[in-house]
């Protein structure tokens, strides 16, 4: 993710709580899952409506 977006998260009180989630999503999970991170995220988002039922 672009560093400008992280700066926005940190500088805007309304979005500051999202910084940790964005960091986990963009850095930690990508490091753990490697090349499969994009495929897993795509699959999860497309199956989210089914999981909510």
N, C-alpha and C. Protein backbone atom coordinates (compact mmCIF):
# COMPACT_ATOMS: atom_id res chain seq x y z
N UNK A 1 0.84 -1.18 0.00
CA UNK A 1 0.00 0.00 0.00
C UNK A 1 0.88 1.23 0.00
N UNK A 2 0.38 2.26 -0.60
CA UNK A 2 1.08 3.52 -0.69
C UNK A 2 1.28 4.14 0.69
N UNK A 3 2.46 4.65 0.96
CA UNK A 3 2.75 5.28 2.25
C UNK A 3 1.87 6.47 2.54
N UNK A 4 1.37 7.14 1.50
CA UNK A 4 0.46 8.27 1.71
C UNK A 4 -0.82 7.83 2.41
N UNK A 5 -1.28 6.65 2.09
CA UNK A 5 -2.49 6.15 2.73
C UNK A 5 -2.24 5.86 4.20
N UNK A 6 -1.08 5.29 4.53
CA UNK A 6 -0.74 5.08 5.94
C UNK A 6 -0.66 6.41 6.67
N UNK A 7 -0.07 7.41 6.05
CA UNK A 7 0.02 8.74 6.67
C UNK A 7 -1.38 9.31 6.90
N UNK A 8 -2.27 9.10 5.95
CA UNK A 8 -3.65 9.56 6.10
C UNK A 8 -4.31 8.88 7.30
N UNK A 9 -4.13 7.58 7.42
CA UNK A 9 -4.69 6.84 8.56
C UNK A 9 -4.20 7.44 9.88
N UNK A 10 -2.92 7.73 9.94
CA UNK A 10 -2.34 8.21 11.19
C UNK A 10 -2.69 9.66 11.50
N UNK A 11 -2.88 10.48 10.49
CA UNK A 11 -3.13 11.91 10.70
C UNK A 11 -4.59 12.27 10.84
N UNK A 12 -5.48 11.39 10.46
CA UNK A 12 -6.91 11.66 10.55
C UNK A 12 -7.48 10.87 11.74
N UNK A 13 -7.96 11.56 12.76
CA UNK A 13 -8.48 10.86 13.95
C UNK A 13 -9.61 9.87 13.64
N UNK A 14 -10.37 10.14 12.60
CA UNK A 14 -11.47 9.25 12.25
C UNK A 14 -10.98 7.93 11.67
N UNK A 15 -9.83 7.93 11.01
CA UNK A 15 -9.33 6.71 10.38
C UNK A 15 -8.14 6.10 11.11
N UNK A 16 -7.66 6.74 12.16
CA UNK A 16 -6.50 6.23 12.90
C UNK A 16 -6.69 4.79 13.38
N UNK A 17 -7.88 4.38 13.85
CA UNK A 17 -8.04 2.99 14.28
C UNK A 17 -7.87 1.97 13.15
N UNK A 18 -7.99 2.41 11.90
CA UNK A 18 -7.85 1.51 10.77
C UNK A 18 -6.39 1.22 10.42
N UNK A 19 -5.46 2.00 10.98
CA UNK A 19 -4.04 1.83 10.63
C UNK A 19 -3.55 0.42 10.93
N UNK A 20 -3.85 -0.08 12.10
CA UNK A 20 -3.40 -1.42 12.47
C UNK A 20 -3.94 -2.49 11.56
N UNK A 21 -5.20 -2.38 11.21
CA UNK A 21 -5.82 -3.36 10.32
C UNK A 21 -5.18 -3.30 8.93
N UNK A 22 -4.94 -2.09 8.45
CA UNK A 22 -4.32 -1.94 7.14
C UNK A 22 -2.91 -2.50 7.14
N UNK A 23 -2.18 -2.25 8.21
CA UNK A 23 -0.82 -2.75 8.31
C UNK A 23 -0.80 -4.28 8.34
N UNK A 24 -1.68 -4.87 9.12
CA UNK A 24 -1.76 -6.34 9.14
C UNK A 24 -2.11 -6.90 7.77
N UNK A 25 -3.10 -6.28 7.13
CA UNK A 25 -3.55 -6.75 5.83
C UNK A 25 -2.47 -6.61 4.76
N UNK A 26 -1.84 -5.45 4.72
CA UNK A 26 -0.93 -5.15 3.62
C UNK A 26 0.48 -5.65 3.82
N UNK A 27 0.93 -5.76 5.06
CA UNK A 27 2.32 -6.14 5.30
C UNK A 27 2.43 -7.54 5.88
N UNK A 28 1.79 -7.76 7.01
CA UNK A 28 1.97 -9.04 7.71
C UNK A 28 1.40 -10.20 6.92
N UNK A 29 0.15 -10.09 6.49
CA UNK A 29 -0.44 -11.20 5.74
C UNK A 29 0.28 -11.44 4.42
N UNK A 30 0.69 -10.39 3.76
CA UNK A 30 1.44 -10.55 2.51
C UNK A 30 2.75 -11.27 2.76
N UNK A 31 3.43 -10.95 3.86
CA UNK A 31 4.68 -11.64 4.19
C UNK A 31 4.43 -13.12 4.49
N UNK A 32 3.35 -13.41 5.20
CA UNK A 32 3.06 -14.79 5.57
C UNK A 32 2.60 -15.61 4.36
N UNK A 33 1.70 -15.05 3.57
CA UNK A 33 1.09 -15.80 2.47
C UNK A 33 1.89 -15.72 1.18
N UNK A 34 2.75 -14.74 1.07
CA UNK A 34 3.59 -14.61 -0.12
C UNK A 34 2.76 -14.37 -1.37
N UNK A 35 3.10 -15.08 -2.42
CA UNK A 35 2.45 -14.88 -3.72
C UNK A 35 0.97 -15.25 -3.70
N UNK A 36 0.54 -16.06 -2.74
CA UNK A 36 -0.85 -16.47 -2.67
C UNK A 36 -1.76 -15.44 -2.02
N UNK A 37 -1.22 -14.38 -1.47
CA UNK A 37 -2.02 -13.39 -0.75
C UNK A 37 -3.13 -12.80 -1.62
N UNK A 38 -2.82 -12.44 -2.83
CA UNK A 38 -3.83 -11.85 -3.72
C UNK A 38 -4.94 -12.82 -4.05
N UNK A 39 -4.58 -14.07 -4.32
CA UNK A 39 -5.59 -15.09 -4.64
C UNK A 39 -6.50 -15.37 -3.45
N UNK A 40 -5.92 -15.45 -2.27
CA UNK A 40 -6.71 -15.72 -1.07
C UNK A 40 -7.64 -14.54 -0.77
N UNK A 41 -7.15 -13.34 -0.90
CA UNK A 41 -7.98 -12.16 -0.66
C UNK A 41 -9.12 -12.09 -1.67
N UNK A 42 -8.84 -12.40 -2.93
CA UNK A 42 -9.87 -12.40 -3.97
C UNK A 42 -10.95 -13.43 -3.65
N UNK A 43 -10.53 -14.64 -3.28
CA UNK A 43 -11.47 -15.70 -2.96
C UNK A 43 -12.33 -15.32 -1.76
N UNK A 44 -11.72 -14.75 -0.75
CA UNK A 44 -12.44 -14.40 0.47
C UNK A 44 -13.47 -13.30 0.21
N UNK A 45 -13.11 -12.29 -0.55
CA UNK A 45 -14.04 -11.20 -0.83
C UNK A 45 -15.21 -11.71 -1.67
N UNK A 46 -14.94 -12.57 -2.62
CA UNK A 46 -16.02 -13.07 -3.47
C UNK A 46 -16.94 -14.02 -2.72
N UNK A 47 -16.49 -14.66 -1.68
CA UNK A 47 -17.32 -15.58 -0.91
C UNK A 47 -17.88 -14.94 0.36
N UNK A 48 -17.58 -13.69 0.60
CA UNK A 48 -18.06 -13.01 1.79
C UNK A 48 -19.58 -12.97 1.90
N UNK A 49 -20.32 -12.64 0.83
CA UNK A 49 -21.78 -12.62 0.97
C UNK A 49 -22.35 -13.97 1.40
N UNK A 50 -21.79 -15.07 0.92
CA UNK A 50 -22.26 -16.39 1.31
C UNK A 50 -21.97 -16.66 2.79
N UNK A 51 -20.84 -16.15 3.27
CA UNK A 51 -20.48 -16.37 4.66
C UNK A 51 -21.36 -15.57 5.60
N UNK A 52 -21.95 -14.49 5.13
CA UNK A 52 -22.77 -13.64 5.98
C UNK A 52 -24.20 -14.18 6.13
N UNK A 53 -24.57 -15.13 5.29
CA UNK A 53 -25.93 -15.69 5.37
C UNK A 53 -26.06 -16.73 6.42
